Amino acid sequence: MILGIIKPYPSPLISGRGIDLDFAMLAGCLGLLGLGLVMITSASSEVAAVQSGNPLYHMIRHLVYVVLGVGACIATMMVPISTWQRMGWLMLVGAFGLLVLVLVPGIGREVNGSMRWIGFSFFNVQPSEIAKVFVVIYLAGYLVRRQQEVRESWMGFFKPFIVLLPMAGLLLMEPDFGATVVMMGAAAAMLFLGGVGLFRFTLMVALAVVAVVGLVQAQPYRMARLITFTDPWSDQFGSGYQLTQALIAFGRGEWLGVGLGNSVQKQFYLPEAHTDFVFSVLAEELGVIGSLATVALFVFVSVRAMYIGLWAEKAKQFFAAYMAYGLAFLWIGQFLINIGVNVGLLPTKGLTLPFLSYGGSSLVICCACAGLLLRIEWESRTHLGSEETEFSESDFAEEPSHGR
């Protein structure tokens, strides 16, 4: 079955041109992966030493996730984009199935009051990470199938929400407010780029703002986070503790940082130092210069992903283009929310930083998304997948063009 999916050649890794990849995008993603491994090693050493007796425990596990992520990236690069388009409905059903399973007692694993993981013997799977990507793939297919309807009618605009709203409801039942915001934000951006009129898009944004306000007010802990976010120092040893410790980390870092491995905040002052708040430890150890360089690397891969979508659109590969836009917005949403939380611009929310935070599901899915983007770029550059073009292996024997 798997061989049947990945068999079609040529591919970015196996073709007459040899390895034919967007090396700029690949270098950016590998740079983030490498930086993430270094920061996880540093940020988790104290916690790992106490919890397991081995200061490199989390680093070793993260390295395993990196290897799995690279494997996922290679696998997705081998699968034609047309295959993902055909499997859109199946993936959507799978996403719903995973989000239902995680809520079943005995299957879902509860951590810190949230049921977000399906536990196995040595690792956990976070269905929300998979569901977000599957929704992007499904919605890209919908925008291609119903392009005219989406642009001209209210029904074409509202139909995707028949799927999106129940999925958002399942995410909120875990609860996973951050994943819900990222998924709905990426979907809204895809609809806008798919041609939804400005009036309908503005109405959608207004309704989304009202919904967010209602959801925040519906749960006391969300209101507490919002109040604490506005003035964390008013309760710095209570509800504002995590944010104040993160801000202290930024303050200690100054311009050049205290040096790699020399963070004080990671020594049990800052909770979740190697997961949701790894950027704070990075800022403390590498300073403003290191933080801005990291943000610049994030901006580069995000903008590159958007350009990959633009190139696919110019090649008239609209499904690939919408999928690239959606994946880019998933990354952008998580970048903005995680870093915004770390610096105190947004209320505290448990959301990983793509490529950098400790967490197997997030890392593997990020790498798989990178593989999809690399495949999209390659197909748009070679025009493989365009409906009016047919290719044989001999067509790919020429030297590659380096126009990009």
Protein backbone atom coordinates (compact mmCIF):
# COMPACT_ATOMS: atom_id res chain seq x y z
CA MET A 1 0.00 0.00 0.00
CA ILE A 2 2.73 2.49 1.02
CA LEU A 3 4.89 1.57 -1.96
CA GLY A 4 1.91 2.16 -4.22
CA ILE A 5 1.57 5.71 -2.88
CA ILE A 6 5.22 6.75 -3.13
CA LYS A 7 6.13 4.84 -6.31
CA PRO A 8 5.41 7.55 -8.95
CA TYR A 9 8.65 9.07 -10.25
CA PRO A 10 10.34 11.43 -10.75
CA SER A 11 10.50 13.00 -7.29
CA PRO A 12 12.64 15.70 -5.65
CA LEU A 13 14.98 13.01 -4.33
CA ILE A 14 14.99 10.50 -7.17
CA SER A 15 15.08 11.96 -10.67
CA GLY A 16 17.32 12.53 -13.64
CA ARG A 17 18.54 15.68 -11.89
CA GLY A 18 19.50 13.85 -8.70
CA ILE A 19 18.53 15.69 -5.53
CA ASP A 20 16.56 18.70 -6.77
CA LEU A 21 15.27 20.64 -3.77
CA ASP A 22 14.63 24.20 -2.66
CA PHE A 23 17.85 24.30 -0.66
CA ALA A 24 17.08 27.71 0.81
CA MET A 25 13.88 26.38 2.43
CA LEU A 26 15.63 23.18 3.45
CA ALA A 27 18.49 25.11 5.05
CA GLY A 28 16.08 27.32 7.00
CA CYS A 29 14.17 24.33 8.40
CA LEU A 30 17.37 22.45 9.25
CA GLY A 31 18.71 25.56 10.96
CA LEU A 32 15.62 25.71 13.18
CA LEU A 33 15.85 21.97 13.88
CA GLY A 34 19.49 22.27 14.90
CA LEU A 35 18.85 25.31 17.07
CA GLY A 36 15.91 23.51 18.66
CA LEU A 37 18.06 20.51 19.57
CA VAL A 38 20.68 22.76 21.16
CA MET A 39 18.11 24.74 23.15
CA ILE A 40 16.22 21.62 24.30
CA THR A 41 19.52 20.18 25.53
CA SER A 42 20.22 23.34 27.50
CA ALA A 43 16.70 24.13 28.75
CA SER A 44 15.84 20.59 29.90
CA SER A 45 19.10 19.52 31.53
CA GLU A 46 18.18 20.47 35.11
CA VAL A 47 14.66 19.03 34.96
CA ALA A 48 15.88 15.84 33.30
CA ALA A 49 18.64 15.35 35.87
CA VAL A 50 16.15 15.50 38.74
CA GLN A 51 13.33 13.54 37.11
CA SER A 52 15.32 10.77 35.43
CA GLY A 53 18.87 11.02 36.78
CA ASN A 54 20.17 11.71 33.27
CA PRO A 55 20.56 15.39 32.25
CA LEU A 56 20.47 14.36 28.58
CA TYR A 57 17.22 12.39 28.86
CA HIS A 58 15.04 14.94 27.04
CA MET A 59 17.79 15.68 24.53
CA ILE A 60 18.01 12.00 23.55
CA ARG A 61 14.23 11.74 23.16
CA HIS A 62 14.17 14.97 21.15
CA LEU A 63 16.93 13.62 18.90
CA VAL A 64 14.79 10.54 18.25
CA TYR A 65 11.91 12.86 17.31
CA VAL A 66 14.24 14.77 14.96
CA VAL A 67 15.17 11.51 13.21
CA LEU A 68 11.48 10.58 12.92
CA GLY A 69 10.73 14.07 11.64
CA VAL A 70 13.41 13.85 8.95
CA GLY A 71 11.93 10.50 7.92
CA ALA A 72 8.46 12.06 7.75
CA CYS A 73 9.84 14.90 5.64
CA ILE A 74 11.43 12.47 3.18
CA ALA A 75 8.25 10.37 3.00
CA THR A 76 6.01 13.36 2.22
CA MET A 77 8.43 14.56 -0.44
CA MET A 78 8.01 11.22 -2.24
CA VAL A 79 4.20 11.46 -2.42
CA PRO A 80 2.74 13.39 -5.40
CA ILE A 81 0.55 16.34 -4.45
CA SER A 82 -2.26 14.83 -6.54
CA THR A 83 -2.33 11.92 -4.10
CA TRP A 84 -2.93 14.25 -1.15
CA GLN A 85 -5.72 15.90 -3.13
CA ARG A 86 -7.44 12.55 -3.75
CA MET A 87 -7.13 11.59 -0.08
CA GLY A 88 -8.57 14.85 1.29
CA TRP A 89 -11.91 13.41 2.41
CA LEU A 90 -10.26 10.36 3.95
CA MET A 91 -7.91 12.58 5.92
CA LEU A 92 -10.82 14.70 7.14
CA VAL A 93 -12.60 11.60 8.45
CA GLY A 94 -9.34 10.48 10.06
CA ALA A 95 -8.95 13.86 11.77
CA PHE A 96 -12.45 13.62 13.25
CA GLY A 97 -11.74 10.06 14.37
CA LEU A 98 -8.55 11.04 16.18
CA LEU A 99 -10.19 14.01 17.90
CA VAL A 100 -13.01 11.79 19.11
CA LEU A 101 -10.65 9.04 20.29
CA VAL A 102 -8.58 11.42 22.39
CA LEU A 103 -11.70 12.27 24.41
CA VAL A 104 -12.46 8.61 25.19
CA PRO A 105 -11.44 7.68 28.76
CA GLY A 106 -8.74 5.05 28.73
CA ILE A 107 -7.51 6.09 25.30
CA GLY A 108 -6.89 9.80 25.77
CA ARG A 109 -4.24 10.81 28.28
CA GLU A 110 -4.87 13.72 30.62
CA VAL A 111 -2.00 16.08 31.43
CA ASN A 112 -2.46 19.26 33.50
CA GLY A 113 -6.23 19.02 33.18
CA SER A 114 -6.26 18.69 29.38
CA MET A 115 -7.07 15.56 27.37
CA ARG A 116 -4.89 16.24 24.33
CA TRP A 117 -2.78 13.11 23.90
CA ILE A 118 -3.27 9.48 22.92
CA GLY A 119 -0.75 7.61 25.02
CA PHE A 120 1.39 4.72 23.89
CA SER A 121 4.10 2.90 25.83
CA PHE A 122 7.03 5.17 24.97
CA PHE A 123 5.44 8.20 23.34
CA ASN A 124 2.26 10.24 23.00
CA VAL A 125 0.45 11.38 19.87
CA GLN A 126 -1.28 14.76 19.85
CA PRO A 127 -4.23 14.46 17.43
CA SER A 128 -4.73 18.22 17.18
CA GLU A 129 -1.37 18.59 15.41
CA ILE A 130 -2.40 16.03 12.78
CA ALA A 131 -5.95 17.39 12.49
CA LYS A 132 -4.76 20.93 11.68
CA VAL A 133 -2.76 19.70 8.67
CA PHE A 134 -5.56 17.41 7.47
CA VAL A 135 -8.01 20.33 7.62
CA VAL A 136 -5.66 22.41 5.47
CA ILE A 137 -5.45 19.61 2.89
CA TYR A 138 -9.23 19.15 2.83
CA LEU A 139 -9.92 22.88 2.58
CA ALA A 140 -7.39 23.30 -0.26
CA GLY A 141 -9.29 20.63 -2.20
CA TYR A 142 -12.61 22.32 -1.43
CA LEU A 143 -11.35 25.69 -2.70
CA VAL A 144 -10.32 24.05 -5.98
CA ARG A 145 -13.57 22.11 -6.43
CA ARG A 146 -15.86 24.99 -5.46
CA GLN A 147 -13.76 27.98 -6.48
CA GLN A 148 -16.51 29.81 -8.34
CA GLU A 149 -19.08 29.07 -5.63
CA VAL A 150 -16.73 30.30 -2.88
CA ARG A 151 -16.13 33.57 -4.69
CA GLU A 152 -19.69 34.36 -5.70
CA SER A 153 -22.16 32.84 -3.21
CA TRP A 154 -22.78 32.85 0.51
CA MET A 155 -23.40 29.09 0.47
CA GLY A 156 -19.96 28.37 -0.95
CA PHE A 157 -18.51 30.54 1.80
CA PHE A 158 -20.43 28.89 4.66
CA LYS A 159 -20.09 25.24 3.58
CA PRO A 160 -16.54 24.77 4.99
CA PHE A 161 -17.77 25.84 8.41
CA ILE A 162 -20.10 22.84 8.51
CA VAL A 163 -16.87 20.87 8.89
CA LEU A 164 -14.71 23.42 10.71
CA LEU A 165 -17.08 24.28 13.56
CA PRO A 166 -17.63 20.68 14.78
CA MET A 167 -13.87 20.14 14.64
CA ALA A 168 -13.29 23.33 16.60
CA GLY A 169 -15.85 22.07 19.13
CA LEU A 170 -13.90 18.82 19.58
CA LEU A 171 -10.68 20.79 20.09
CA LEU A 172 -12.36 22.99 22.71
CA MET A 173 -13.58 19.87 24.55
CA GLU A 174 -9.98 18.77 25.18
CA PRO A 175 -9.60 21.79 25.79
CA ASP A 176 -7.10 23.18 23.28
CA PHE A 177 -7.97 26.82 22.69
CA GLY A 178 -4.65 27.62 21.02
CA ALA A 179 -4.96 24.89 18.39
CA THR A 180 -8.53 26.03 17.68
CA VAL A 181 -7.40 29.61 17.06
CA VAL A 182 -4.52 28.52 14.81
CA MET A 183 -6.69 26.13 12.78
CA MET A 184 -9.54 28.61 12.30
CA GLY A 185 -7.09 31.42 11.53
CA ALA A 186 -5.37 29.36 8.83
CA ALA A 187 -8.76 28.37 7.38
CA ALA A 188 -9.89 32.02 7.29
CA ALA A 189 -6.68 33.07 5.53
CA MET A 190 -7.10 30.27 2.96
CA LEU A 191 -10.68 31.36 2.25
CA PHE A 192 -9.55 34.96 1.78
CA LEU A 193 -6.78 33.92 -0.63
CA GLY A 194 -9.29 31.62 -2.33
CA GLY A 195 -11.29 34.66 -3.40
CA VAL A 196 -13.88 35.29 -0.68
CA GLY A 197 -15.19 38.85 -1.00
CA LEU A 198 -14.00 41.50 1.43
CA PHE A 199 -17.47 42.00 2.93
CA ARG A 200 -17.96 38.31 3.71
CA PHE A 201 -14.41 38.02 5.01
CA THR A 202 -14.89 41.05 7.29
CA LEU A 203 -18.11 39.53 8.60
CA MET A 204 -16.29 36.27 9.29
CA VAL A 205 -13.57 38.09 11.22
CA ALA A 206 -16.16 40.00 13.25
CA LEU A 207 -17.99 36.78 14.12
CA ALA A 208 -14.69 35.14 15.05
CA VAL A 209 -13.83 38.01 17.41
CA VAL A 210 -17.25 37.72 19.07
CA ALA A 211 -16.79 33.95 19.39
CA VAL A 212 -13.34 34.35 20.97
CA VAL A 213 -14.66 36.89 23.47
CA GLY A 214 -17.51 34.54 24.35
CA LEU A 215 -15.20 31.56 24.77
CA VAL A 216 -12.87 33.55 27.02
CA GLN A 217 -15.74 34.68 29.23
CA ALA A 218 -17.24 31.17 29.34
CA GLN A 219 -14.31 29.70 31.29
CA PRO A 220 -13.06 31.31 34.53
CA TYR A 221 -9.48 30.12 33.99
CA ARG A 222 -9.36 31.89 30.61
CA MET A 223 -10.58 35.14 32.18
CA ALA A 224 -7.97 34.74 34.92
CA ARG A 225 -5.24 34.36 32.31
CA LEU A 226 -6.46 37.45 30.49
CA ILE A 227 -6.51 39.53 33.68
CA THR A 228 -3.09 38.21 34.71
CA PHE A 229 -1.67 38.95 31.26
CA THR A 230 -2.53 42.64 31.59
CA ASP A 231 -0.61 42.92 34.89
CA PRO A 232 1.33 39.73 35.76
CA TRP A 233 3.23 41.47 38.59
CA SER A 234 0.02 41.95 40.55
CA ASP A 235 0.12 38.21 41.35
CA GLN A 236 3.68 37.29 40.53
CA PHE A 237 3.75 34.26 42.83
CA GLY A 238 0.30 33.03 41.78
CA SER A 239 -1.42 33.18 38.40
CA GLY A 240 1.24 35.52 37.00
CA TYR A 241 4.20 33.39 38.07
CA GLN A 242 4.99 31.79 34.70
CA LEU A 243 4.86 35.04 32.75
CA THR A 244 6.90 37.01 35.28
CA GLN A 245 9.62 34.33 35.25
CA ALA A 246 9.65 34.44 31.45
CA LEU A 247 10.03 38.23 31.53
CA ILE A 248 12.86 37.91 34.03
CA ALA A 249 14.59 35.56 31.58
CA PHE A 250 14.33 38.18 28.84
CA GLY A 251 15.65 40.85 31.21
CA ARG A 252 18.65 38.76 32.25
CA GLY A 253 19.57 38.06 28.62
CA GLU A 254 20.18 41.71 27.74
CA TRP A 255 21.94 42.16 24.37
CA LEU A 256 24.28 39.18 24.13
CA GLY A 257 22.84 36.78 26.70
CA VAL A 258 24.38 35.03 29.70
CA GLY A 259 25.89 32.31 27.51
CA LEU A 260 24.66 28.96 26.23
CA GLY A 261 23.83 26.65 29.13
CA ASN A 262 24.05 29.40 31.77
CA SER A 263 20.33 30.13 32.18
CA VAL A 264 19.16 30.53 35.75
CA GLN A 265 15.44 30.53 34.95
CA LYS A 266 15.56 26.95 33.64
CA GLN A 267 16.59 25.79 37.11
CA PHE A 268 12.99 25.22 38.26
CA TYR A 269 12.06 28.92 38.23
CA LEU A 270 10.36 28.88 34.83
CA PRO A 271 7.79 26.07 34.39
CA GLU A 272 7.73 24.30 30.99
CA ALA A 273 11.12 25.79 30.15
CA HIS A 274 11.85 23.22 27.41
CA THR A 275 8.35 23.14 25.88
CA ASP A 276 6.11 26.22 25.68
CA PHE A 277 8.72 28.68 27.06
CA VAL A 278 11.89 27.51 25.34
CA PHE A 279 12.10 30.89 23.58
CA SER A 280 12.47 32.61 26.96
CA VAL A 281 15.45 30.42 27.81
CA LEU A 282 16.88 31.14 24.36
CA ALA A 283 16.51 34.88 25.00
CA GLU A 284 18.24 34.57 28.37
CA GLU A 285 21.17 32.59 27.02
CA LEU A 286 21.59 34.22 23.59
CA GLY A 287 20.25 37.71 24.31
CA VAL A 288 18.45 40.14 22.04
CA ILE A 289 20.80 39.39 19.15
CA GLY A 290 20.16 35.64 19.31
CA SER A 291 16.41 36.16 19.75
CA LEU A 292 16.15 38.47 16.75
CA ALA A 293 18.24 36.08 14.64
CA THR A 294 15.86 33.26 15.59
CA VAL A 295 12.80 35.38 14.74
CA ALA A 296 14.46 36.26 11.42
CA LEU A 297 14.87 32.56 10.66
CA PHE A 298 11.20 31.98 11.47
CA VAL A 299 10.21 34.87 9.21
CA PHE A 300 12.38 33.48 6.41
CA VAL A 301 10.82 29.99 6.38
CA SER A 302 7.30 31.44 6.70
CA VAL A 303 7.76 33.94 3.86
CA ARG A 304 9.45 31.24 1.77
CA ALA A 305 6.44 28.98 2.34
CA MET A 306 4.14 31.78 1.14
CA TYR A 307 6.29 32.26 -1.95
CA ILE A 308 6.11 28.53 -2.64
CA GLY A 309 2.34 28.89 -2.68
CA LEU A 310 2.62 31.89 -5.02
CA TRP A 311 4.87 29.95 -7.42
CA ALA A 312 2.41 27.05 -7.44
CA GLU A 313 -0.44 29.46 -8.17
CA LYS A 314 1.48 30.97 -11.07
CA ALA A 315 2.01 27.42 -12.39
CA LYS A 316 -1.80 26.98 -12.18
CA GLN A 317 -1.45 24.27 -9.54
CA PHE A 318 -4.15 25.72 -7.33
CA PHE A 319 -4.57 22.86 -4.88
CA ALA A 320 -0.83 22.91 -4.15
CA ALA A 321 -0.93 26.70 -3.83
CA TYR A 322 -3.77 26.72 -1.30
CA MET A 323 -2.15 23.91 0.66
CA ALA A 324 1.14 25.82 0.81
CA TYR A 325 -0.66 28.95 2.01
CA GLY A 326 -2.49 26.96 4.69
CA LEU A 327 0.67 25.28 5.97
CA ALA A 328 2.44 28.64 6.03
CA PHE A 329 -0.36 30.18 8.10
CA LEU A 330 -0.27 27.24 10.54
CA TRP A 331 3.41 28.00 11.16
CA ILE A 332 2.86 31.76 11.30
CA GLY A 333 0.00 31.37 13.78
CA GLN A 334 2.03 29.21 16.13
CA PHE A 335 5.11 31.44 15.82
CA LEU A 336 3.13 34.56 16.67
CA ILE A 337 1.16 33.03 19.56
CA ASN A 338 4.10 31.26 21.19
CA ILE A 339 6.50 34.18 20.97
CA GLY A 340 3.71 36.62 21.88
CA VAL A 341 3.04 34.60 25.04
CA ASN A 342 6.74 34.44 25.90
CA VAL A 343 7.24 38.20 25.67
CA GLY A 344 3.94 39.02 27.40
CA LEU A 345 2.06 40.38 24.39
CA LEU A 346 -0.58 37.62 24.58
CA PRO A 347 -2.23 35.73 27.46
CA THR A 348 -0.46 32.56 28.54
CA LYS A 349 -1.39 29.66 26.26
CA GLY A 350 0.13 26.22 25.91
CA LEU A 351 1.23 26.14 22.28
CA THR A 352 4.53 24.78 21.02
CA LEU A 353 7.05 26.76 18.99
CA PRO A 354 7.45 24.99 15.62
CA PHE A 355 10.76 23.16 15.18
CA LEU A 356 12.11 24.42 18.54
CA SER A 357 9.86 23.21 21.37
CA TYR A 358 10.15 19.76 22.90
CA GLY A 359 7.30 17.56 21.73
CA GLY A 360 7.25 14.61 19.34
CA SER A 361 3.94 15.20 17.56
CA SER A 362 4.58 18.87 16.89
CA LEU A 363 8.12 18.29 15.63
CA VAL A 364 7.26 15.36 13.36
CA ILE A 365 4.27 17.18 11.87
CA CYS A 366 6.36 20.34 11.29
CA CYS A 367 8.94 18.26 9.39
CA ALA A 368 6.19 16.56 7.38
CA CYS A 369 4.83 20.01 6.47
CA ALA A 370 8.30 21.05 5.35
CA GLY A 371 8.41 17.97 3.12
CA LEU A 372 5.04 18.91 1.60
CA LEU A 373 6.27 22.44 0.89
CA LEU A 374 9.46 21.13 -0.72
CA ARG A 375 7.39 18.80 -2.91
CA ILE A 376 5.06 21.65 -3.90
CA GLU A 377 8.00 23.88 -4.83
CA TRP A 378 9.55 21.14 -6.94
CA GLU A 379 6.33 20.30 -8.77
CA SER A 380 5.60 23.95 -9.50
CA ARG A 381 9.14 24.52 -10.78
CA THR A 382 9.07 21.47 -13.06
CA HIS A 383 5.35 21.93 -13.86
CA LEU A 384 4.78 18.34 -12.83
CA GLY A 385 1.13 18.02 -11.84
CA SER A 386 -0.18 20.65 -14.23
CA GLU A 387 -3.24 19.22 -15.96
CA GLU A 388 -2.10 20.20 -19.44
CA THR A 389 1.41 18.78 -19.10
CA GLU A 390 2.62 15.20 -19.41
CA PHE A 391 6.17 14.15 -18.53
CA SER A 392 8.42 11.16 -18.86
CA GLU A 393 11.62 10.43 -16.94
CA SER A 394 13.77 11.65 -19.83
CA ASP A 395 12.29 15.15 -19.50
CA PHE A 396 14.12 15.59 -16.21
CA ALA A 397 17.65 14.78 -17.39
CA GLU A 398 18.67 18.40 -18.01
CA GLU A 399 20.57 20.50 -15.55
CA PRO A 400 18.27 22.20 -13.01
CA SER A 401 17.40 25.84 -13.34
CA HIS A 402 18.47 28.10 -10.48
CA GLY A 403 16.08 30.97 -11.22
CA ARG A 404 14.89 31.02 -7.60
